PDB file of all heavy atoms in Angstrom:
ATOM      1  N   ALA A   1       0.815  -1.224   0.000  1.00  0.00           N
ATOM      2  CA  ALA A   1       0.000   0.000   0.000  1.00  0.00           C
ATOM      3  C   ALA A   1       0.844   1.268   0.000  1.00  0.00           C
ATOM      4  O   ALA A   1       0.296   2.374   0.098  1.00  0.00           O
ATOM      5  CB  ALA A   1      -0.922  -0.006   1.216  1.00  0.00           C
ATOM      6  N   LYS A   2       2.148   1.122  -0.125  1.00  0.00           N
ATOM      7  CA  LYS A   2       3.043   2.283  -0.082  1.00  0.00           C
ATOM      8  C   LYS A   2       2.596   3.350  -1.088  1.00  0.00           C
ATOM      9  O   LYS A   2       2.279   3.044  -2.238  1.00  0.00           O
ATOM     10  CB  LYS A   2       4.478   1.848  -0.398  1.00  0.00           C
ATOM     11  CG  LYS A   2       5.504   2.954  -0.255  1.00  0.00           C
ATOM     12  CD  LYS A   2       6.913   2.443  -0.527  1.00  0.00           C
ATOM     13  CE  LYS A   2       7.935   3.564  -0.378  1.00  0.00           C
ATOM     14  NZ  LYS A   2       9.321   3.084  -0.630  1.00  0.00           N
ATOM     15  N   GLY A   3       2.547   4.594  -0.617  1.00  0.00           N
ATOM     16  CA  GLY A   3       2.132   5.693  -1.494  1.00  0.00           C
ATOM     17  C   GLY A   3       0.791   6.283  -1.101  1.00  0.00           C
ATOM     18  O   GLY A   3       0.426   7.364  -1.574  1.00  0.00           O
ATOM     19  N   CYS A   4       0.059   5.604  -0.212  1.00  0.00           N
ATOM     20  CA  CYS A   4      -1.219   6.161   0.230  1.00  0.00           C
ATOM     21  C   CYS A   4      -0.979   7.066   1.442  1.00  0.00           C
ATOM     22  O   CYS A   4       0.088   7.049   2.055  1.00  0.00           O
ATOM     23  CB  CYS A   4      -2.218   5.059   0.565  1.00  0.00           C
ATOM     24  SG  CYS A   4      -1.832   4.112   2.044  1.00  0.00           S
ATOM     25  N   ASP A   5      -2.004   7.860   1.772  1.00  0.00           N
ATOM     26  CA  ASP A   5      -1.911   8.745   2.937  1.00  0.00           C
ATOM     27  C   ASP A   5      -2.466   8.091   4.192  1.00  0.00           C
ATOM     28  O   ASP A   5      -1.928   8.258   5.286  1.00  0.00           O
ATOM     29  CB  ASP A   5      -2.673  10.049   2.652  1.00  0.00           C
ATOM     30  CG  ASP A   5      -2.089  10.805   1.482  1.00  0.00           C
ATOM     31  OD1 ASP A   5      -0.991  11.368   1.650  1.00  0.00           O
ATOM     32  OD2 ASP A   5      -2.708  10.815   0.402  1.00  0.00           O
ATOM     33  N   TYR A   6      -3.561   7.351   4.015  1.00  0.00           N
ATOM     34  CA  TYR A   6      -4.206   6.677   5.139  1.00  0.00           C
ATOM     35  C   TYR A   6      -4.527   5.241   4.734  1.00  0.00           C
ATOM     36  O   TYR A   6      -4.802   4.956   3.570  1.00  0.00           O
ATOM     37  CB  TYR A   6      -5.503   7.386   5.543  1.00  0.00           C
ATOM     38  CG  TYR A   6      -5.290   8.799   6.039  1.00  0.00           C
ATOM     39  CD1 TYR A   6      -5.553   9.897   5.217  1.00  0.00           C
ATOM     40  CD2 TYR A   6      -4.822   9.043   7.332  1.00  0.00           C
ATOM     41  CE1 TYR A   6      -5.351  11.191   5.664  1.00  0.00           C
ATOM     42  CE2 TYR A   6      -4.616  10.336   7.792  1.00  0.00           C
ATOM     43  CZ  TYR A   6      -4.887  11.403   6.959  1.00  0.00           C
ATOM     44  OH  TYR A   6      -4.678  12.684   7.406  1.00  0.00           O
ATOM     45  N   VAL A   7      -4.497   4.359   5.726  1.00  0.00           N
ATOM     46  CA  VAL A   7      -4.759   2.949   5.449  1.00  0.00           C
ATOM     47  C   VAL A   7      -5.772   2.417   6.456  1.00  0.00           C
ATOM     48  O   VAL A   7      -5.719   2.742   7.646  1.00  0.00           O
ATOM     49  CB  VAL A   7      -3.448   2.131   5.472  1.00  0.00           C
ATOM     50  CG1 VAL A   7      -2.784   2.182   6.839  1.00  0.00           C
ATOM     51  CG2 VAL A   7      -3.680   0.695   5.069  1.00  0.00           C
ATOM     52  N   LEU A   8      -6.726   1.629   5.961  1.00  0.00           N
ATOM     53  CA  LEU A   8      -7.695   0.946   6.800  1.00  0.00           C
ATOM     54  C   LEU A   8      -7.418  -0.549   6.699  1.00  0.00           C
ATOM     55  O   LEU A   8      -7.344  -1.089   5.594  1.00  0.00           O
ATOM     56  CB  LEU A   8      -9.136   1.222   6.349  1.00  0.00           C
ATOM     57  CG  LEU A   8      -9.717   2.615   6.624  1.00  0.00           C
ATOM     58  CD1 LEU A   8      -9.166   3.644   5.644  1.00  0.00           C
ATOM     59  CD2 LEU A   8     -11.238   2.588   6.532  1.00  0.00           C
ATOM     60  N   ILE A   9      -7.251  -1.209   7.843  1.00  0.00           N
ATOM     61  CA  ILE A   9      -6.921  -2.636   7.876  1.00  0.00           C
ATOM     62  C   ILE A   9      -8.141  -3.399   8.368  1.00  0.00           C
ATOM     63  O   ILE A   9      -8.635  -3.144   9.467  1.00  0.00           O
ATOM     64  CB  ILE A   9      -5.707  -2.885   8.793  1.00  0.00           C
ATOM     65  CG1 ILE A   9      -4.517  -2.031   8.326  1.00  0.00           C
ATOM     66  CG2 ILE A   9      -5.344  -4.363   8.803  1.00  0.00           C
ATOM     67  CD1 ILE A   9      -3.377  -1.954   9.331  1.00  0.00           C
ATOM     68  N   HIS A  10      -8.622  -4.331   7.530  1.00  0.00           N
ATOM     69  CA  HIS A  10      -9.878  -5.012   7.842  1.00  0.00           C
ATOM     70  C   HIS A  10      -9.731  -6.519   7.702  1.00  0.00           C
ATOM     71  O   HIS A  10      -9.073  -7.013   6.776  1.00  0.00           O
ATOM     72  CB  HIS A  10     -10.985  -4.527   6.897  1.00  0.00           C
ATOM     73  CG  HIS A  10     -12.336  -5.099   7.216  1.00  0.00           C
ATOM     74  ND1 HIS A  10     -12.975  -4.864   8.412  1.00  0.00           N
ATOM     75  CD2 HIS A  10     -13.159  -5.901   6.503  1.00  0.00           C
ATOM     76  CE1 HIS A  10     -14.140  -5.497   8.419  1.00  0.00           C
ATOM     77  NE2 HIS A  10     -14.274  -6.142   7.281  1.00  0.00           N
ATOM     78  N   ASP A  11     -10.345  -7.252   8.630  1.00  0.00           N
ATOM     79  CA  ASP A  11     -10.364  -8.707   8.550  1.00  0.00           C
ATOM     80  C   ASP A  11     -11.455  -9.144   7.582  1.00  0.00           C
ATOM     81  O   ASP A  11     -12.639  -8.814   7.782  1.00  0.00           O
ATOM     82  CB  ASP A  11     -10.632  -9.318   9.932  1.00  0.00           C
ATOM     83  CG  ASP A  11      -9.469  -9.112  10.889  1.00  0.00           C
ATOM     84  OD1 ASP A  11      -8.317  -9.165  10.429  1.00  0.00           O
ATOM     85  OD2 ASP A  11      -9.705  -8.907  12.091  1.00  0.00           O
ATOM     86  N   GLY A  12     -11.079  -9.906   6.569  1.00  0.00           N
ATOM     87  CA  GLY A  12     -12.054 -10.368   5.583  1.00  0.00           C
ATOM     88  C   GLY A  12     -13.112 -11.285   6.165  1.00  0.00           C
ATOM     89  O   GLY A  12     -14.158 -11.507   5.543  1.00  0.00           O
ATOM     90  N   ALA A  13     -12.856 -11.823   7.370  1.00  0.00           N
ATOM     91  CA  ALA A  13     -13.833 -12.687   8.031  1.00  0.00           C
ATOM     92  C   ALA A  13     -14.874 -11.887   8.799  1.00  0.00           C
ATOM     93  O   ALA A  13     -15.696 -12.461   9.516  1.00  0.00           O
ATOM     94  CB  ALA A  13     -13.129 -13.658   8.972  1.00  0.00           C
ATOM     95  N   ARG A  14     -14.853 -10.560   8.673  1.00  0.00           N
ATOM     96  CA  ARG A  14     -15.912  -9.701   9.225  1.00  0.00           C
ATOM     97  C   ARG A  14     -16.746  -9.189   8.054  1.00  0.00           C
ATOM     98  O   ARG A  14     -16.430  -8.144   7.470  1.00  0.00           O
ATOM     99  CB  ARG A  14     -15.330  -8.531  10.009  1.00  0.00           C
ATOM    100  CG  ARG A  14     -14.664  -8.922  11.314  1.00  0.00           C
ATOM    101  CD  ARG A  14     -14.262  -7.695  12.120  1.00  0.00           C
ATOM    102  NE  ARG A  14     -13.479  -8.058  13.293  1.00  0.00           N
ATOM    103  CZ  ARG A  14     -13.992  -8.328  14.493  1.00  0.00           C
ATOM    104  NH1 ARG A  14     -15.294  -8.254  14.670  1.00  0.00           N
ATOM    105  NH2 ARG A  14     -13.202  -8.638  15.509  1.00  0.00           N
ATOM    106  N   PRO A  15     -17.815  -9.872   7.697  1.00  0.00           N
ATOM    107  CA  PRO A  15     -18.559  -9.512   6.490  1.00  0.00           C
ATOM    108  C   PRO A  15     -19.504  -8.330   6.636  1.00  0.00           C
ATOM    109  O   PRO A  15     -20.016  -7.823   5.635  1.00  0.00           O
ATOM    110  CB  PRO A  15     -19.349 -10.793   6.181  1.00  0.00           C
ATOM    111  CG  PRO A  15     -19.541 -11.436   7.515  1.00  0.00           C
ATOM    112  CD  PRO A  15     -18.294 -11.123   8.300  1.00  0.00           C
ATOM    113  N   PHE A  16     -19.755  -7.871   7.881  1.00  0.00           N
ATOM    114  CA  PHE A  16     -20.793  -6.869   8.069  1.00  0.00           C
ATOM    115  C   PHE A  16     -20.254  -5.460   8.277  1.00  0.00           C
ATOM    116  O   PHE A  16     -20.858  -4.641   8.968  1.00  0.00           O
ATOM    117  CB  PHE A  16     -21.723  -7.291   9.206  1.00  0.00           C
ATOM    118  CG  PHE A  16     -22.429  -8.588   8.898  1.00  0.00           C
ATOM    119  CD1 PHE A  16     -22.205  -9.708   9.675  1.00  0.00           C
ATOM    120  CD2 PHE A  16     -23.272  -8.688   7.804  1.00  0.00           C
ATOM    121  CE1 PHE A  16     -22.834 -10.910   9.384  1.00  0.00           C
ATOM    122  CE2 PHE A  16     -23.905  -9.886   7.497  1.00  0.00           C
ATOM    123  CZ  PHE A  16     -23.688 -11.001   8.283  1.00  0.00           C
ATOM    124  N   LEU A  17     -19.129  -5.161   7.672  1.00  0.00           N
ATOM    125  CA  LEU A  17     -18.664  -3.795   7.519  1.00  0.00           C
ATOM    126  C   LEU A  17     -19.741  -3.008   6.780  1.00  0.00           C
ATOM    127  O   LEU A  17     -20.404  -3.539   5.883  1.00  0.00           O
ATOM    128  CB  LEU A  17     -17.372  -3.797   6.688  1.00  0.00           C
ATOM    129  CG  LEU A  17     -16.819  -2.460   6.200  1.00  0.00           C
ATOM    130  CD1 LEU A  17     -16.343  -1.624   7.364  1.00  0.00           C
ATOM    131  CD2 LEU A  17     -15.681  -2.710   5.205  1.00  0.00           C
ATOM    132  N   ASP A  18     -19.949  -1.743   7.155  1.00  0.00           N
ATOM    133  CA  ASP A  18     -20.922  -0.935   6.411  1.00  0.00           C
ATOM    134  C   ASP A  18     -20.381   0.473   6.161  1.00  0.00           C
ATOM    135  O   ASP A  18     -19.367   0.883   6.739  1.00  0.00           O
ATOM    136  CB  ASP A  18     -22.282  -0.900   7.127  1.00  0.00           C
ATOM    137  CG  ASP A  18     -22.219  -0.328   8.536  1.00  0.00           C
ATOM    138  OD1 ASP A  18     -21.486   0.664   8.754  1.00  0.00           O
ATOM    139  OD2 ASP A  18     -22.910  -0.860   9.429  1.00  0.00           O
ATOM    140  N   GLU A  19     -21.077   1.193   5.306  1.00  0.00           N
ATOM    141  CA  GLU A  19     -20.635   2.523   4.896  1.00  0.00           C
ATOM    142  C   GLU A  19     -20.601   3.495   6.074  1.00  0.00           C
ATOM    143  O   GLU A  19     -19.723   4.364   6.149  1.00  0.00           O
ATOM    144  CB  GLU A  19     -21.551   3.060   3.794  1.00  0.00           C
ATOM    145  CG  GLU A  19     -21.248   4.471   3.323  1.00  0.00           C
ATOM    146  CD  GLU A  19     -19.913   4.616   2.602  1.00  0.00           C
ATOM    147  OE1 GLU A  19     -19.289   3.586   2.264  1.00  0.00           O
ATOM    148  OE2 GLU A  19     -19.488   5.765   2.373  1.00  0.00           O
ATOM    149  N   GLU A  20     -21.538   3.347   7.008  1.00  0.00           N
ATOM    150  CA  GLU A  20     -21.582   4.255   8.157  1.00  0.00           C
ATOM    151  C   GLU A  20     -20.290   4.158   8.979  1.00  0.00           C
ATOM    152  O   GLU A  20     -19.776   5.162   9.458  1.00  0.00           O
ATOM    153  CB  GLU A  20     -22.798   3.946   9.034  1.00  0.00           C
ATOM    154  CG  GLU A  20     -24.135   4.351   8.432  1.00  0.00           C
ATOM    155  CD  GLU A  20     -24.592   3.424   7.319  1.00  0.00           C
ATOM    156  OE1 GLU A  20     -24.095   2.266   7.262  1.00  0.00           O
ATOM    157  OE2 GLU A  20     -25.429   3.844   6.507  1.00  0.00           O
ATOM    158  N   MET A  21     -19.767   2.957   9.135  1.00  0.00           N
ATOM    159  CA  MET A  21     -18.499   2.799   9.847  1.00  0.00           C
ATOM    160  C   MET A  21     -17.368   3.511   9.112  1.00  0.00           C
ATOM    161  O   MET A  21     -16.525   4.176   9.725  1.00  0.00           O
ATOM    162  CB  MET A  21     -18.154   1.313   9.982  1.00  0.00           C
ATOM    163  CG  MET A  21     -18.801   0.600  11.136  1.00  0.00           C
ATOM    164  SD  MET A  21     -18.210  -1.107  11.218  1.00  0.00           S
ATOM    165  CE  MET A  21     -19.743  -1.981  10.974  1.00  0.00           C
ATOM    166  N   LEU A  22     -17.352   3.350   7.803  1.00  0.00           N
ATOM    167  CA  LEU A  22     -16.306   3.991   6.999  1.00  0.00           C
ATOM    168  C   LEU A  22     -16.386   5.507   7.104  1.00  0.00           C
ATOM    169  O   LEU A  22     -15.358   6.191   7.184  1.00  0.00           O
ATOM    170  CB  LEU A  22     -16.423   3.555   5.538  1.00  0.00           C
ATOM    171  CG  LEU A  22     -16.167   2.077   5.249  1.00  0.00           C
ATOM    172  CD1 LEU A  22     -16.371   1.796   3.755  1.00  0.00           C
ATOM    173  CD2 LEU A  22     -14.765   1.656   5.678  1.00  0.00           C
ATOM    174  N   VAL A  23     -17.593   6.037   7.121  1.00  0.00           N
ATOM    175  CA  VAL A  23     -17.783   7.488   7.252  1.00  0.00           C
ATOM    176  C   VAL A  23     -17.242   7.970   8.592  1.00  0.00           C
ATOM    177  O   VAL A  23     -16.504   8.971   8.667  1.00  0.00           O
ATOM    178  CB  VAL A  23     -19.272   7.863   7.092  1.00  0.00           C
ATOM    179  CG1 VAL A  23     -19.504   9.321   7.491  1.00  0.00           C
ATOM    180  CG2 VAL A  23     -19.736   7.628   5.667  1.00  0.00           C
ATOM    181  N   ARG A  24     -17.596   7.269   9.666  1.00  0.00           N
ATOM    182  CA  ARG A  24     -17.142   7.681  10.992  1.00  0.00           C
ATOM    183  C   ARG A  24     -15.615   7.589  11.109  1.00  0.00           C
ATOM    184  O   ARG A  24     -14.959   8.473  11.674  1.00  0.00           O
ATOM    185  CB  ARG A  24     -17.813   6.819  12.075  1.00  0.00           C
ATOM    186  CG  ARG A  24     -19.292   7.081  12.244  1.00  0.00           C
ATOM    187  CD  ARG A  24     -19.856   6.433  13.497  1.00  0.00           C
ATOM    188  NE  ARG A  24     -19.890   4.983  13.436  1.00  0.00           N
ATOM    189  CZ  ARG A  24     -20.906   4.261  12.984  1.00  0.00           C
ATOM    190  NH1 ARG A  24     -21.983   4.864  12.484  1.00  0.00           N
ATOM    191  NH2 ARG A  24     -20.875   2.932  13.005  1.00  0.00           N
ATOM    192  N   LEU A  25     -15.053   6.515  10.574  1.00  0.00           N
ATOM    193  CA  LEU A  25     -13.599   6.332  10.639  1.00  0.00           C
ATOM    194  C   LEU A  25     -12.849   7.398   9.853  1.00  0.00           C
ATOM    195  O   LEU A  25     -11.906   8.015  10.364  1.00  0.00           O
ATOM    196  CB  LEU A  25     -13.226   4.956  10.094  1.00  0.00           C
ATOM    197  CG  LEU A  25     -13.119   3.785  11.058  1.00  0.00           C
ATOM    198  CD1 LEU A  25     -12.812   2.511  10.282  1.00  0.00           C
ATOM    199  CD2 LEU A  25     -12.043   4.023  12.118  1.00  0.00           C
ATOM    200  N   THR A  26     -13.250   7.601   8.621  1.00  0.00           N
ATOM    201  CA  THR A  26     -12.506   8.528   7.755  1.00  0.00           C
ATOM    202  C   THR A  26     -12.711   9.981   8.166  1.00  0.00           C
ATOM    203  O   THR A  26     -11.870  10.830   7.862  1.00  0.00           O
ATOM    204  CB  THR A  26     -12.890   8.336   6.278  1.00  0.00           C
ATOM    205  OG1 THR A  26     -14.315   8.439   6.129  1.00  0.00           O
ATOM    206  CG2 THR A  26     -12.434   6.973   5.775  1.00  0.00           C
ATOM    207  N   ALA A  27     -13.805  10.279   8.865  1.00  0.00           N
ATOM    208  CA  ALA A  27     -14.007  11.636   9.381  1.00  0.00           C
ATOM    209  C   ALA A  27     -13.067  11.910  10.557  1.00  0.00           C
ATOM    210  O   ALA A  27     -12.538  13.018  10.712  1.00  0.00           O
ATOM    211  CB  ALA A  27     -15.459  11.824   9.819  1.00  0.00           C
ATOM    212  N   ALA A  28     -12.830  10.892  11.391  1.00  0.00           N
ATOM    213  CA  ALA A  28     -11.990  11.064  12.577  1.00  0.00           C
ATOM    214  C   ALA A  28     -10.503  10.902  12.275  1.00  0.00           C
ATOM    215  O   ALA A  28      -9.659  11.439  12.993  1.00  0.00           O
ATOM    216  CB  ALA A  28     -12.402  10.057  13.648  1.00  0.00           C
ATOM    217  N   LEU A  29     -10.184  10.179  11.236  1.00  0.00           N
ATOM    218  CA  LEU A  29      -8.796   9.797  10.971  1.00  0.00           C
ATOM    219  C   LEU A  29      -7.837  10.976  10.783  1.00  0.00           C
ATOM    220  O   LEU A  29      -6.743  10.978  11.374  1.00  0.00           O
ATOM    221  CB  LEU A  29      -8.760   8.861   9.759  1.00  0.00           C
ATOM    222  CG  LEU A  29      -7.465   8.108   9.476  1.00  0.00           C
ATOM    223  CD1 LEU A  29      -6.920   7.427  10.721  1.00  0.00           C
ATOM    224  CD2 LEU A  29      -7.686   7.087   8.363  1.00  0.00           C
ATOM    225  N   PRO A  30      -8.186  12.010   9.997  1.00  0.00           N
ATOM    226  CA  PRO A  30      -7.243  13.135   9.847  1.00  0.00           C
ATOM    227  C   PRO A  30      -7.010  13.904  11.153  1.00  0.00           C
ATOM    228  O   PRO A  30      -6.005  14.600  11.286  1.00  0.00           O
ATOM    229  CB  PRO A  30      -7.932  14.024   8.802  1.00  0.00           C
ATOM    230  CG  PRO A  30      -8.855  13.104   8.060  1.00  0.00           C
ATOM    231  CD  PRO A  30      -9.349  12.140   9.088  1.00  0.00           C
ATOM    232  N   ILE A  31      -7.935  13.762  12.112  1.00  0.00           N
ATOM    233  CA  ILE A  31      -7.797  14.458  13.392  1.00  0.00           C
ATOM    234  C   ILE A  31      -6.931  13.653  14.358  1.00  0.00           C
ATOM    235  O   ILE A  31      -6.036  14.189  15.015  1.00  0.00           O
ATOM    236  CB  ILE A  31      -9.186  14.694  14.020  1.00  0.00           C
ATOM    237  CG1 ILE A  31     -10.064  15.527  13.079  1.00  0.00           C
ATOM    238  CG2 ILE A  31      -9.055  15.352  15.395  1.00  0.00           C
ATOM    239  CD1 ILE A  31     -11.521  15.585  13.495  1.00  0.00           C
ATOM    240  N   TRP A  32      -7.188  12.326  14.419  1.00  0.00           N
ATOM    241  CA  TRP A  32      -6.554  11.492  15.428  1.00  0.00           C
ATOM    242  C   TRP A  32      -5.376  10.669  14.907  1.00  0.00           C
ATOM    243  O   TRP A  32      -4.549  10.201  15.685  1.00  0.00           O
ATOM    244  CB  TRP A  32      -7.592  10.540  16.035  1.00  0.00           C
ATOM    245  CG  TRP A  32      -8.631  11.268  16.809  1.00  0.00           C
ATOM    246  CD1 TRP A  32      -9.872  11.665  16.376  1.00  0.00           C
ATOM    247  CD2 TRP A  32      -8.520  11.727  18.162  1.00  0.00           C
ATOM    248  NE1 TRP A  32     -10.541  12.320  17.367  1.00  0.00           N
ATOM    249  CE2 TRP A  32      -9.737  12.381  18.472  1.00  0.00           C
ATOM    250  CE3 TRP A  32      -7.526  11.642  19.133  1.00  0.00           C
ATOM    251  CZ2 TRP A  32      -9.974  12.961  19.727  1.00  0.00           C
ATOM    252  CZ3 TRP A  32      -7.757  12.213  20.385  1.00  0.00           C
ATOM    253  CH2 TRP A  32      -8.970  12.854  20.664  1.00  0.00           C
ATOM    254  N   ASN A  33      -5.313  10.417  13.609  1.00  0.00           N
ATOM    255  CA  ASN A  33      -4.234   9.645  12.965  1.00  0.00           C
ATOM    256  C   ASN A  33      -4.251   8.156  13.269  1.00  0.00           C
ATOM    257  O   ASN A  33      -3.560   7.387  12.593  1.00  0.00           O
ATOM    258  CB  ASN A  33      -2.855  10.212  13.331  1.00  0.00           C
ATOM    259  CG  ASN A  33      -2.660  11.615  12.808  1.00  0.00           C
ATOM    260  OD1 ASN A  33      -3.037  11.924  11.686  1.00  0.00           O
ATOM    261  ND2 ASN A  33      -2.092  12.475  13.629  1.00  0.00           N
ATOM    262  N   ALA A  34      -5.003   7.740  14.268  1.00  0.00           N
ATOM    263  CA  ALA A  34      -5.125   6.319  14.605  1.00  0.00           C
ATOM    264  C   ALA A  34      -6.505   6.101  15.218  1.00  0.00           C
ATOM    265  O   ALA A  34      -6.822   6.691  16.255  1.00  0.00           O
ATOM    266  CB  ALA A  34      -4.036   5.891  15.582  1.00  0.00           C
ATOM    267  N   CYS A  35      -7.335   5.289  14.559  1.00  0.00           N
ATOM    268  CA  CYS A  35      -8.707   5.063  15.004  1.00  0.00           C
ATOM    269  C   CYS A  35      -9.075   3.596  14.822  1.00  0.00           C
ATOM    270  O   CYS A  35      -8.655   2.965  13.848  1.00  0.00           O
ATOM    271  CB  CYS A  35      -9.704   5.893  14.187  1.00  0.00           C
ATOM    272  SG  CYS A  35      -9.390   7.658  14.138  1.00  0.00           S
ATOM    273  N   VAL A  36      -9.867   3.066  15.751  1.00  0.00           N
ATOM    274  CA  VAL A  36     -10.357   1.701  15.611  1.00  0.00           C
ATOM    275  C   VAL A  36     -11.852   1.671  15.915  1.00  0.00           C
ATOM    276  O   VAL A  36     -12.324   2.420  16.766  1.00  0.00           O
ATOM    277  CB  VAL A  36      -9.619   0.716  16.546  1.00  0.00           C
ATOM    278  CG1 VAL A  36      -8.140   0.678  16.230  1.00  0.00           C
ATOM    279  CG2 VAL A  36      -9.834   1.062  18.011  1.00  0.00           C
ATOM    280  N   VAL A  37     -12.578   0.795  15.216  1.00  0.00           N
ATOM    281  CA  VAL A  37     -13.985   0.630  15.548  1.00  0.00           C
ATOM    282  C   VAL A  37     -14.128  -0.451  16.611  1.00  0.00           C
ATOM    283  O   VAL A  37     -13.317  -1.378  16.703  1.00  0.00           O
ATOM    284  CB  VAL A  37     -14.853   0.276  14.315  1.00  0.00           C
ATOM    285  CG1 VAL A  37     -14.837   1.401  13.299  1.00  0.00           C
ATOM    286  CG2 VAL A  37     -14.421  -1.032  13.677  1.00  0.00           C
TER     287      VAL A  37
END
């Protein structure tokens, strides 16, 4: 993934990821630099 600004690491065995989680994470990420759901 070298070359990106931010990275999200997800377990493929968690099938119920949703857009709302992504919105909350990516909104907080530039402020905190490290976020987990």
